[in-house]
């Protein structure tokens, strides 16, 4: 067996933080799209580099009408999947190849 492979777990957390920042994603926000949260808050989260996973309560087109257009104009990707609206900020792609 070769001794050429080395895994340094002491620095793993620091390296994971670096990888996450390099991806452009600053976190994932889980929420409910029910008209309670102002559209500006969702747009601010996207602008901050966060991915939104929102459970849609009600009619999707009605609930997302206020922020979907501006989000797309800013380069975000939106996708409706199994009762959820997933919104990724500009520069972050949604891989749908396994659906």
Protein backbone atom coordinates (compact mmCIF):
# COMPACT_ATOMS: atom_id res chain seq x y z
CA UNK A 1 0.00 0.00 0.00
CA UNK A 2 1.31 3.43 -0.93
CA UNK A 3 2.06 6.09 1.68
CA UNK A 4 1.57 8.81 -0.98
CA UNK A 5 -2.00 9.69 0.07
CA UNK A 6 -2.40 12.04 3.02
CA UNK A 7 -5.61 13.36 4.54
CA UNK A 8 -5.28 16.21 7.01
CA UNK A 9 -8.55 16.30 8.98
CA UNK A 10 -7.28 19.04 11.28
CA UNK A 11 -7.61 21.59 8.47
CA UNK A 12 -10.65 20.08 6.75
CA UNK A 13 -13.17 22.55 8.17
CA UNK A 14 -11.07 25.51 7.03
CA UNK A 15 -10.74 24.01 3.54
CA UNK A 16 -14.49 23.35 3.33
CA UNK A 17 -15.14 27.01 4.14
CA UNK A 18 -12.79 27.99 1.32
CA UNK A 19 -14.55 25.64 -1.13
CA UNK A 20 -17.98 26.98 -0.18
CA UNK A 21 -16.88 30.57 -0.71
CA UNK A 22 -15.31 29.65 -4.04
CA UNK A 23 -18.62 28.22 -5.29
CA UNK A 24 -20.30 31.60 -4.88
CA UNK A 25 -22.97 30.15 -2.61
CA UNK A 26 -23.13 31.83 0.76
CA UNK A 27 -25.71 29.47 2.21
CA UNK A 28 -29.14 27.99 1.70
CA UNK A 29 -32.31 29.62 2.98
CA UNK A 30 -35.29 27.38 3.71
CA UNK A 31 -38.57 29.24 3.83
CA UNK A 32 -42.23 29.40 2.94
CA UNK A 33 -43.51 31.36 -0.01
CA UNK A 34 -46.93 32.33 1.29
CA UNK A 35 -47.07 36.11 0.87
CA UNK A 36 -45.88 36.83 4.42
CA UNK A 37 -42.27 37.67 3.54
CA UNK A 38 -41.78 40.82 1.45
CA UNK A 39 -40.40 40.20 -2.04
CA UNK A 40 -37.47 42.50 -1.28
CA UNK A 41 -36.25 40.10 1.42
CA UNK A 42 -36.08 37.20 -1.04
CA UNK A 43 -34.25 39.41 -3.54
CA UNK A 44 -31.76 40.50 -0.85
CA UNK A 45 -31.04 36.87 0.02
CA UNK A 46 -30.33 36.07 -3.64
CA UNK A 47 -28.16 39.17 -4.00
CA UNK A 48 -26.18 37.98 -0.96
CA UNK A 49 -25.38 34.72 -2.82
CA UNK A 50 -27.87 32.48 -1.02
CA UNK A 51 -29.90 29.70 -2.60
CA UNK A 52 -33.61 29.80 -1.72
CA UNK A 53 -35.65 26.63 -1.19
CA UNK A 54 -39.20 27.83 -0.62
CA UNK A 55 -42.27 25.69 0.08
CA UNK A 56 -45.03 27.20 -2.04
CA UNK A 57 -48.29 27.78 -0.16
CA UNK A 58 -50.87 28.89 -2.69
CA UNK A 59 -50.64 29.63 -6.40
CA UNK A 60 -46.99 29.76 -7.49
CA UNK A 61 -47.46 32.49 -10.10
CA UNK A 62 -49.28 34.68 -7.60
CA UNK A 63 -46.81 34.11 -4.75
CA UNK A 64 -43.65 34.58 -6.83
CA UNK A 65 -44.93 37.39 -9.07
CA UNK A 66 -43.24 40.17 -7.10
CA UNK A 67 -39.72 38.78 -7.07
CA UNK A 68 -39.40 36.23 -9.89
CA UNK A 69 -39.00 38.82 -12.66
CA UNK A 70 -36.43 40.97 -10.85
CA UNK A 71 -34.58 37.81 -9.74
CA UNK A 72 -34.33 36.55 -13.32
CA UNK A 73 -33.28 40.02 -14.49
CA UNK A 74 -30.44 39.83 -11.94
CA UNK A 75 -29.30 36.48 -13.39
CA UNK A 76 -30.93 34.12 -10.89
CA UNK A 77 -32.26 30.72 -11.93
CA UNK A 78 -35.70 29.68 -10.70
CA UNK A 79 -37.21 26.22 -10.81
CA UNK A 80 -40.44 24.76 -9.45
CA UNK A 81 -39.92 21.23 -8.13
CA UNK A 82 -42.41 19.14 -6.13
CA UNK A 83 -44.13 22.02 -4.41
CA UNK A 84 -40.95 24.01 -3.85
CA UNK A 85 -39.50 26.99 -5.64
CA UNK A 86 -35.73 26.75 -5.84
CA UNK A 87 -33.93 29.98 -6.67
CA UNK A 88 -30.18 30.08 -7.25
CA UNK A 89 -28.28 33.38 -7.42
CA UNK A 90 -26.46 34.52 -10.54
CA UNK A 91 -23.47 32.31 -11.27
CA UNK A 92 -24.89 29.26 -9.50
CA UNK A 93 -26.47 26.67 -11.76
CA UNK A 94 -29.18 24.17 -10.90
CA UNK A 95 -28.32 20.69 -12.20
CA UNK A 96 -31.55 19.02 -13.31
CA UNK A 97 -29.89 16.12 -15.11
CA UNK A 98 -31.06 13.59 -12.49
CA UNK A 99 -34.73 14.53 -12.57
